[in-house]
Amino acid sequence: MGNKAIRKDVKTWGKRVAIYCLGLFIMALGVSFSKVADLGMSPVNSIPYVLSEIFTSLSMGTWVIIIFSLYIAIQFVILGRDIQPARLLQILCTTLFGYFTDFTNALTAALLPQPTAVASTFVLVYGVRLLYLVISMLLIALGILFYLTPDLISLPGEGIMQVLAQKLHLPLHKVKMAFDITVSLIALALSLVYFREFHGIREGTVIAAFGVGKILGLYAPLQRKVNTLVFGAVTTMEE
């Protein structure tokens, strides 16, 4: 391989990593908007959020790292001897996403007005919450697009879904639905036991579960541009 080809390969990898990290950051920012909206977190982030509200000595980002690391451990248990050591690399993106979550939480807490500070009536306050939720979904979908396009490391939530689909011989979308319902129910149970109310699991959780996928579909033209930016050719991102 000539020097020109090596430089091109290094440049491509650099772009892939940069776009991947940008995607994780945008996703974390979307999660932070969802937190301020207070209409319920997305299923995959619901358990870390509720635990961070119960055990406040640890940040939400720290709980993301703990829970996502548990998902990695479960993958190793399920796969057993069939485990691919490369799955350990999920620890890297988990840690990065956890730190991004804490940073964007601090950023939105400092710069984003609380809904109750913007409006005075229930209807207007709820309208602001819905606006933040929509922005959250737009950001999360955009983050997913950037994060998936480079085809690098899956976050542990997606990793465990892939492993379960493989082992149970089930379609990935059915496993995702079951996984989302399971983690949401766990978060809901924790919320009801500790807070005696729906805290972290609300109508926004359901809206986000369906809305993010719909919005991601609307980003198809942008997806082609990102593919061209990263790889120099248009390819189709695998879901």
C-alpha atoms as a PDB file:
ATOM      1  CA  MET A   1       0.000   0.000   0.000  1.00  0.00           C
ATOM      2  CA  GLY A   2       1.463   3.342  -1.035  1.00  0.00           C
ATOM      3  CA  ASN A   3       1.811   6.414   1.170  1.00  0.00           C
ATOM      4  CA  LYS A   4      -1.082   8.108  -0.607  1.00  0.00           C
ATOM      5  CA  ALA A   5      -3.361   5.140   0.062  1.00  0.00           C
ATOM      6  CA  ILE A   6      -2.246   5.000   3.709  1.00  0.00           C
ATOM      7  CA  ARG A   7      -2.953   8.714   4.187  1.00  0.00           C
ATOM      8  CA  LYS A   8      -6.373   8.272   2.599  1.00  0.00           C
ATOM      9  CA  ASP A   9      -7.133   5.317   4.874  1.00  0.00           C
ATOM     10  CA  VAL A  10      -6.035   7.237   7.983  1.00  0.00           C
ATOM     11  CA  LYS A  11      -8.108  10.243   6.906  1.00  0.00           C
ATOM     12  CA  THR A  12     -11.181   8.045   6.396  1.00  0.00           C
ATOM     13  CA  TRP A  13     -10.760   6.452   9.816  1.00  0.00           C
ATOM     14  CA  GLY A  14     -10.320   9.884  11.370  1.00  0.00           C
ATOM     15  CA  LYS A  15     -13.575  11.063   9.801  1.00  0.00           C
ATOM     16  CA  ARG A  16     -15.366   7.913  10.930  1.00  0.00           C
ATOM     17  CA  VAL A  17     -14.270   8.370  14.537  1.00  0.00           C
ATOM     18  CA  ALA A  18     -15.088  12.094  14.502  1.00  0.00           C
ATOM     19  CA  ILE A  19     -18.599  11.528  13.078  1.00  0.00           C
ATOM     20  CA  TYR A  20     -19.145   8.669  15.536  1.00  0.00           C
ATOM     21  CA  CYS A  21     -18.188  10.822  18.542  1.00  0.00           C
ATOM     22  CA  LEU A  22     -20.305  13.693  17.234  1.00  0.00           C
ATOM     23  CA  GLY A  23     -23.251  11.311  17.032  1.00  0.00           C
ATOM     24  CA  LEU A  24     -22.785  10.191  20.645  1.00  0.00           C
ATOM     25  CA  PHE A  25     -22.599  13.818  21.773  1.00  0.00           C
ATOM     26  CA  ILE A  26     -25.762  14.827  19.888  1.00  0.00           C
ATOM     27  CA  MET A  27     -27.579  11.809  21.332  1.00  0.00           C
ATOM     28  CA  ALA A  28     -26.494  12.803  24.844  1.00  0.00           C
ATOM     29  CA  LEU A  29     -27.715  16.350  24.223  1.00  0.00           C
ATOM     30  CA  GLY A  30     -31.071  14.938  23.142  1.00  0.00           C
ATOM     31  CA  VAL A  31     -31.254  12.896  26.355  1.00  0.00           C
ATOM     32  CA  SER A  32     -30.562  16.069  28.355  1.00  0.00           C
ATOM     33  CA  PHE A  33     -33.391  17.925  26.595  1.00  0.00           C
ATOM     34  CA  SER A  34     -35.646  14.996  27.462  1.00  0.00           C
ATOM     35  CA  LYS A  35     -34.596  15.278  31.092  1.00  0.00           C
ATOM     36  CA  VAL A  36     -35.522  18.975  31.215  1.00  0.00           C
ATOM     37  CA  ALA A  37     -38.834  18.249  29.461  1.00  0.00           C
ATOM     38  CA  ASP A  38     -39.663  15.855  32.323  1.00  0.00           C
ATOM     39  CA  LEU A  39     -42.210  13.902  30.302  1.00  0.00           C
ATOM     40  CA  GLY A  40     -40.333  10.618  30.540  1.00  0.00           C
ATOM     41  CA  MET A  41     -36.995   9.341  29.293  1.00  0.00           C
ATOM     42  CA  SER A  42     -36.427   7.079  26.303  1.00  0.00           C
ATOM     43  CA  PRO A  43     -36.530   3.384  27.325  1.00  0.00           C
ATOM     44  CA  VAL A  44     -32.784   2.719  27.067  1.00  0.00           C
ATOM     45  CA  ASN A  45     -31.979   5.692  29.333  1.00  0.00           C
ATOM     46  CA  SER A  46     -34.880   5.220  31.748  1.00  0.00           C
ATOM     47  CA  ILE A  47     -33.138   2.987  34.310  1.00  0.00           C
ATOM     48  CA  PRO A  48     -29.980   5.156  34.598  1.00  0.00           C
ATOM     49  CA  TYR A  49     -32.176   8.260  34.959  1.00  0.00           C
ATOM     50  CA  VAL A  50     -34.411   6.828  37.692  1.00  0.00           C
ATOM     51  CA  LEU A  51     -31.409   5.436  39.590  1.00  0.00           C
ATOM     52  CA  SER A  52     -29.675   8.825  39.388  1.00  0.00           C
ATOM     53  CA  GLU A  53     -32.796  10.397  40.931  1.00  0.00           C
ATOM     54  CA  ILE A  54     -32.854   7.812  43.728  1.00  0.00           C
ATOM     55  CA  PHE A  55     -29.129   7.588  44.439  1.00  0.00           C
ATOM     56  CA  THR A  56     -28.161  11.203  43.889  1.00  0.00           C
ATOM     57  CA  SER A  57     -24.552  10.733  44.984  1.00  0.00           C
ATOM     58  CA  LEU A  58     -23.886   9.311  41.516  1.00  0.00           C
ATOM     59  CA  SER A  59     -24.601  11.285  38.350  1.00  0.00           C
ATOM     60  CA  MET A  60     -26.816  10.089  35.535  1.00  0.00           C
ATOM     61  CA  GLY A  61     -23.733   9.661  33.350  1.00  0.00           C
ATOM     62  CA  THR A  62     -22.175   7.412  35.980  1.00  0.00           C
ATOM     63  CA  TRP A  63     -25.328   5.311  36.112  1.00  0.00           C
ATOM     64  CA  VAL A  64     -25.290   5.106  32.311  1.00  0.00           C
ATOM     65  CA  ILE A  65     -21.791   3.631  32.520  1.00  0.00           C
ATOM     66  CA  ILE A  66     -22.824   1.192  35.286  1.00  0.00           C
ATOM     67  CA  ILE A  67     -26.019  -0.051  33.623  1.00  0.00           C
ATOM     68  CA  PHE A  68     -24.522  -0.204  30.131  1.00  0.00           C
ATOM     69  CA  SER A  69     -21.535  -2.134  31.527  1.00  0.00           C
ATOM     70  CA  LEU A  70     -24.047  -4.586  32.997  1.00  0.00           C
ATOM     71  CA  TYR A  71     -25.473  -5.017  29.490  1.00  0.00           C
ATOM     72  CA  ILE A  72     -21.974  -5.854  28.259  1.00  0.00           C
ATOM     73  CA  ALA A  73     -21.578  -8.454  31.016  1.00  0.00           C
ATOM     74  CA  ILE A  74     -24.941 -10.001  30.081  1.00  0.00           C
ATOM     75  CA  GLN A  75     -23.756 -10.310  26.472  1.00  0.00           C
ATOM     76  CA  PHE A  76     -20.716 -12.276  27.675  1.00  0.00           C
ATOM     77  CA  VAL A  77     -22.917 -14.568  29.784  1.00  0.00           C
ATOM     78  CA  ILE A  78     -25.342 -15.230  26.921  1.00  0.00           C
ATOM     79  CA  LEU A  79     -22.684 -15.841  24.279  1.00  0.00           C
ATOM     80  CA  GLY A  80     -20.344 -17.847  26.506  1.00  0.00           C
ATOM     81  CA  ARG A  81     -17.562 -19.367  24.417  1.00  0.00           C
ATOM     82  CA  ASP A  82     -18.950 -17.675  21.322  1.00  0.00           C
ATOM     83  CA  ILE A  83     -18.181 -14.204  22.657  1.00  0.00           C
ATOM     84  CA  GLN A  84     -16.178 -11.894  20.440  1.00  0.00           C
ATOM     85  CA  PRO A  85     -13.478 -10.057  22.445  1.00  0.00           C
ATOM     86  CA  ALA A  86     -14.164  -6.977  20.318  1.00  0.00           C
ATOM     87  CA  ARG A  87     -17.396  -6.546  22.285  1.00  0.00           C
ATOM     88  CA  LEU A  88     -15.252  -5.260  25.143  1.00  0.00           C
ATOM     89  CA  LEU A  89     -14.750  -2.135  23.041  1.00  0.00           C
ATOM     90  CA  GLN A  90     -18.327  -1.225  23.984  1.00  0.00           C
ATOM     91  CA  ILE A  91     -16.835  -0.068  27.281  1.00  0.00           C
ATOM     92  CA  LEU A  92     -15.146   2.777  25.393  1.00  0.00           C
ATOM     93  CA  CYS A  93     -18.324   4.145  23.812  1.00  0.00           C
ATOM     94  CA  THR A  94     -20.226   3.543  27.067  1.00  0.00           C
ATOM     95  CA  THR A  95     -17.751   5.633  29.036  1.00  0.00           C
ATOM     96  CA  LEU A  96     -17.717   8.347  26.392  1.00  0.00           C
ATOM     97  CA  PHE A  97     -21.515   8.482  26.243  1.00  0.00           C
ATOM     98  CA  GLY A  98     -21.688   8.618  30.042  1.00  0.00           C
ATOM     99  CA  TYR A  99     -19.321  11.593  30.191  1.00  0.00           C
ATOM    100  CA  PHE A 100     -21.168  13.306  27.352  1.00  0.00           C
ATOM    101  CA  THR A 101     -24.454  12.811  29.242  1.00  0.00           C
ATOM    102  CA  ASP A 102     -23.097  14.494  32.374  1.00  0.00           C
ATOM    103  CA  PHE A 103     -21.637  17.347  30.313  1.00  0.00           C
ATOM    104  CA  THR A 104     -24.834  17.997  28.346  1.00  0.00           C
ATOM    105  CA  ASN A 105     -26.931  17.701  31.525  1.00  0.00           C
ATOM    106  CA  ALA A 106     -24.816  20.433  33.094  1.00  0.00           C
ATOM    107  CA  LEU A 107     -24.987  22.467  29.884  1.00  0.00           C
ATOM    108  CA  THR A 108     -28.779  22.333  29.596  1.00  0.00           C
ATOM    109  CA  ALA A 109     -29.218  22.948  33.329  1.00  0.00           C
ATOM    110  CA  ALA A 110     -27.179  26.157  32.997  1.00  0.00           C
ATOM    111  CA  LEU A 111     -28.548  27.439  29.682  1.00  0.00           C
ATOM    112  CA  LEU A 112     -32.012  25.944  29.150  1.00  0.00           C
ATOM    113  CA  PRO A 113     -34.911  27.616  31.001  1.00  0.00           C
ATOM    114  CA  GLN A 114     -37.117  25.300  33.035  1.00  0.00           C
ATOM    115  CA  PRO A 115     -40.654  24.997  31.591  1.00  0.00           C
ATOM    116  CA  THR A 116     -42.159  26.398  34.784  1.00  0.00           C
ATOM    117  CA  ALA A 117     -39.949  29.477  34.468  1.00  0.00           C
ATOM    118  CA  VAL A 118     -41.028  30.133  30.890  1.00  0.00           C
ATOM    119  CA  ALA A 119     -44.806  29.807  31.308  1.00  0.00           C
ATOM    120  CA  SER A 120     -47.288  30.297  34.127  1.00  0.00           C
ATOM    121  CA  THR A 121     -50.323  28.166  33.254  1.00  0.00           C
ATOM    122  CA  PHE A 122     -50.444  24.376  33.105  1.00  0.00           C
ATOM    123  CA  VAL A 123     -51.276  24.374  29.390  1.00  0.00           C
ATOM    124  CA  LEU A 124     -48.369  26.634  28.480  1.00  0.00           C
ATOM    125  CA  VAL A 125     -45.953  24.780  30.757  1.00  0.00           C
ATOM    126  CA  TYR A 126     -46.970  21.492  29.161  1.00  0.00           C
ATOM    127  CA  GLY A 127     -46.554  23.066  25.735  1.00  0.00           C
ATOM    128  CA  VAL A 128     -42.957  24.027  26.589  1.00  0.00           C
ATOM    129  CA  ARG A 129     -42.327  20.497  27.846  1.00  0.00           C
ATOM    130  CA  LEU A 130     -43.637  19.093  24.559  1.00  0.00           C
ATOM    131  CA  LEU A 131     -41.400  21.490  22.629  1.00  0.00           C
ATOM    132  CA  TYR A 132     -38.358  20.281  24.567  1.00  0.00           C
ATOM    133  CA  LEU A 133     -39.447  16.681  23.957  1.00  0.00           C
ATOM    134  CA  VAL A 134     -39.693  17.271  20.196  1.00  0.00           C
ATOM    135  CA  ILE A 135     -36.240  18.892  20.183  1.00  0.00           C
ATOM    136  CA  SER A 136     -34.991  15.907  22.175  1.00  0.00           C
ATOM    137  CA  MET A 137     -36.319  13.442  19.592  1.00  0.00           C
ATOM    138  CA  LEU A 138     -34.877  15.475  16.715  1.00  0.00           C
ATOM    139  CA  LEU A 139     -31.460  15.460  18.397  1.00  0.00           C
ATOM    140  CA  ILE A 140     -31.539  11.787  19.358  1.00  0.00           C
ATOM    141  CA  ALA A 141     -32.517  10.764  15.821  1.00  0.00           C
ATOM    142  CA  LEU A 142     -29.781  12.972  14.371  1.00  0.00           C
ATOM    143  CA  GLY A 143     -27.284  11.530  16.841  1.00  0.00           C
ATOM    144  CA  ILE A 144     -28.266   7.991  15.868  1.00  0.00           C
ATOM    145  CA  LEU A 145     -27.712   8.834  12.201  1.00  0.00           C
ATOM    146  CA  PHE A 146     -24.201  10.181  12.847  1.00  0.00           C
ATOM    147  CA  TYR A 147     -23.359   7.421  15.325  1.00  0.00           C
ATOM    148  CA  LEU A 148     -24.448   4.543  13.064  1.00  0.00           C
ATOM    149  CA  THR A 149     -23.090   5.801   9.738  1.00  0.00           C
ATOM    150  CA  PRO A 150     -19.351   5.135  10.473  1.00  0.00           C
ATOM    151  CA  ASP A 151     -20.230   1.497  11.333  1.00  0.00           C
ATOM    152  CA  LEU A 152     -17.973   1.305  14.389  1.00  0.00           C
ATOM    153  CA  ILE A 153     -18.955   0.159  17.911  1.00  0.00           C
ATOM    154  CA  SER A 154     -22.571  -0.408  18.969  1.00  0.00           C
ATOM    155  CA  LEU A 155     -23.705   0.916  22.319  1.00  0.00           C
ATOM    156  CA  PRO A 156     -24.409  -1.953  24.771  1.00  0.00           C
ATOM    157  CA  GLY A 157     -28.193  -1.502  24.556  1.00  0.00           C
ATOM    158  CA  GLU A 158     -28.091  -2.331  20.858  1.00  0.00           C
ATOM    159  CA  GLY A 159     -25.388  -4.935  21.471  1.00  0.00           C
ATOM    160  CA  ILE A 160     -27.530  -6.935  23.886  1.00  0.00           C
ATOM    161  CA  MET A 161     -30.501  -6.757  21.490  1.00  0.00           C
ATOM    162  CA  GLN A 162     -28.329  -8.150  18.679  1.00  0.00           C
ATOM    163  CA  VAL A 163     -27.086 -10.986  20.908  1.00  0.00           C
ATOM    164  CA  LEU A 164     -30.608 -11.915  22.040  1.00  0.00           C
ATOM    165  CA  ALA A 165     -31.893 -11.839  18.465  1.00  0.00           C
ATOM    166  CA  GLN A 166     -29.028 -14.115  17.438  1.00  0.00           C
ATOM    167  CA  LYS A 167     -29.480 -16.599  20.281  1.00  0.00           C
ATOM    168  CA  LEU A 168     -33.278 -16.690  20.220  1.00  0.00           C
ATOM    169  CA  HIS A 169     -33.476 -16.633  16.399  1.00  0.00           C
ATOM    170  CA  LEU A 170     -35.913 -13.738  16.496  1.00  0.00           C
ATOM    171  CA  PRO A 171     -36.202 -10.610  14.309  1.00  0.00           C
ATOM    172  CA  LEU A 172     -34.262  -7.694  15.761  1.00  0.00           C
ATOM    173  CA  HIS A 173     -37.282  -5.367  15.810  1.00  0.00           C
ATOM    174  CA  LYS A 174     -39.222  -7.827  18.004  1.00  0.00           C
ATOM    175  CA  VAL A 175     -36.303  -8.143  20.410  1.00  0.00           C
ATOM    176  CA  LYS A 176     -35.997  -4.348  20.531  1.00  0.00           C
ATOM    177  CA  MET A 177     -39.673  -4.015  21.392  1.00  0.00           C
ATOM    178  CA  ALA A 178     -39.383  -6.607  24.174  1.00  0.00           C
ATOM    179  CA  PHE A 179     -36.189  -5.020  25.479  1.00  0.00           C
ATOM    180  CA  ASP A 180     -37.692  -1.507  25.527  1.00  0.00           C
ATOM    181  CA  ILE A 181     -40.771  -2.749  27.361  1.00  0.00           C
ATOM    182  CA  THR A 182     -38.655  -4.676  29.882  1.00  0.00           C
ATOM    183  CA  VAL A 183     -36.316  -1.811  30.815  1.00  0.00           C
ATOM    184  CA  SER A 184     -39.240   0.620  30.924  1.00  0.00           C
ATOM    185  CA  LEU A 185     -41.120  -1.658  33.336  1.00  0.00           C
ATOM    186  CA  ILE A 186     -38.036  -1.999  35.530  1.00  0.00           C
ATOM    187  CA  ALA A 187     -37.611   1.786  35.613  1.00  0.00           C
ATOM    188  CA  LEU A 188     -41.324   2.196  36.310  1.00  0.00           C
ATOM    189  CA  ALA A 189     -41.179  -0.286  39.198  1.00  0.00           C
ATOM    190  CA  LEU A 190     -38.187   1.526  40.712  1.00  0.00           C
ATOM    191  CA  SER A 191     -40.013   4.826  40.306  1.00  0.00           C
ATOM    192  CA  LEU A 192     -43.226   3.620  41.942  1.00  0.00           C
ATOM    193  CA  VAL A 193     -41.409   1.952  44.841  1.00  0.00           C
ATOM    194  CA  TYR A 194     -39.271   4.982  45.650  1.00  0.00           C
ATOM    195  CA  PHE A 195     -41.285   8.013  44.502  1.00  0.00           C
ATOM    196  CA  ARG A 196     -44.822   6.538  44.638  1.00  0.00           C
ATOM    197  CA  GLU A 197     -45.449   8.116  41.237  1.00  0.00           C
ATOM    198  CA  PHE A 198     -44.523   7.910  37.564  1.00  0.00           C
ATOM    199  CA  HIS A 199     -41.064   9.464  37.571  1.00  0.00           C
ATOM    200  CA  GLY A 200     -38.941   9.098  34.440  1.00  0.00           C
ATOM    201  CA  ILE A 201     -41.549   6.936  32.689  1.00  0.00           C
ATOM    202  CA  ARG A 202     -44.396   8.954  31.264  1.00  0.00           C
ATOM    203  CA  GLU A 203     -46.131   9.700  27.984  1.00  0.00           C
ATOM    204  CA  GLY A 204     -42.886  11.091  26.593  1.00  0.00           C
ATOM    205  CA  THR A 205     -41.337   7.621  26.849  1.00  0.00           C
ATOM    206  CA  VAL A 206     -43.985   6.199  24.525  1.00  0.00           C
ATOM    207  CA  ILE A 207     -43.841   9.199  22.177  1.00  0.00           C
ATOM    208  CA  ALA A 208     -40.045   8.937  21.921  1.00  0.00           C
ATOM    209  CA  ALA A 209     -40.167   5.156  21.376  1.00  0.00           C
ATOM    210  CA  PHE A 210     -42.162   5.679  18.177  1.00  0.00           C
ATOM    211  CA  GLY A 211     -41.200   9.234  17.240  1.00  0.00           C
ATOM    212  CA  VAL A 212     -37.426   8.843  17.054  1.00  0.00           C
ATOM    213  CA  GLY A 213     -37.688   6.112  14.430  1.00  0.00           C
ATOM    214  CA  LYS A 214     -40.104   8.181  12.357  1.00  0.00           C
ATOM    215  CA  ILE A 215     -37.828  11.229  12.510  1.00  0.00           C
ATOM    216  CA  LEU A 216     -34.806   9.115  11.602  1.00  0.00           C
ATOM    217  CA  GLY A 217     -36.599   8.146   8.414  1.00  0.00           C
ATOM    218  CA  LEU A 218     -37.009  11.816   7.537  1.00  0.00           C
ATOM    219  CA  TYR A 219     -33.240  12.268   7.754  1.00  0.00           C
ATOM    220  CA  ALA A 220     -32.640   9.961   4.746  1.00  0.00           C
ATOM    221  CA  PRO A 221     -31.329  12.779   2.476  1.00  0.00           C
ATOM    222  CA  LEU A 222     -28.892  13.857   5.202  1.00  0.00           C
ATOM    223  CA  GLN A 223     -27.824  10.250   5.688  1.00  0.00           C
ATOM    224  CA  ARG A 224     -26.626  10.085   2.088  1.00  0.00           C
ATOM    225  CA  LYS A 225     -24.601  13.264   2.566  1.00  0.00           C
ATOM    226  CA  VAL A 226     -22.973  11.941   5.744  1.00  0.00           C
ATOM    227  CA  ASN A 227     -22.135   8.671   3.983  1.00  0.00           C
ATOM    228  CA  THR A 228     -20.506  10.629   1.175  1.00  0.00           C
ATOM    229  CA  LEU A 229     -18.579  12.742   3.690  1.00  0.00           C
ATOM    230  CA  VAL A 230     -17.246   9.704   5.543  1.00  0.00           C
ATOM    231  CA  PHE A 231     -16.710   7.140   2.786  1.00  0.00           C
ATOM    232  CA  GLY A 232     -16.679   9.223  -0.359  1.00  0.00           C
ATOM    233  CA  ALA A 233     -19.593   7.199  -1.780  1.00  0.00           C
ATOM    234  CA  VAL A 234     -23.264   6.773  -1.052  1.00  0.00           C
ATOM    235  CA  THR A 235     -24.135   3.613   0.858  1.00  0.00           C
ATOM    236  CA  THR A 236     -27.212   2.539   2.755  1.00  0.00           C
ATOM    237  CA  MET A 237     -26.989   2.580   6.531  1.00  0.00           C
ATOM    238  CA  GLU A 238     -28.032  -0.724   7.965  1.00  0.00           C
ATOM    239  CA  GLU A 239     -30.659  -0.435  10.699  1.00  0.00           C
END
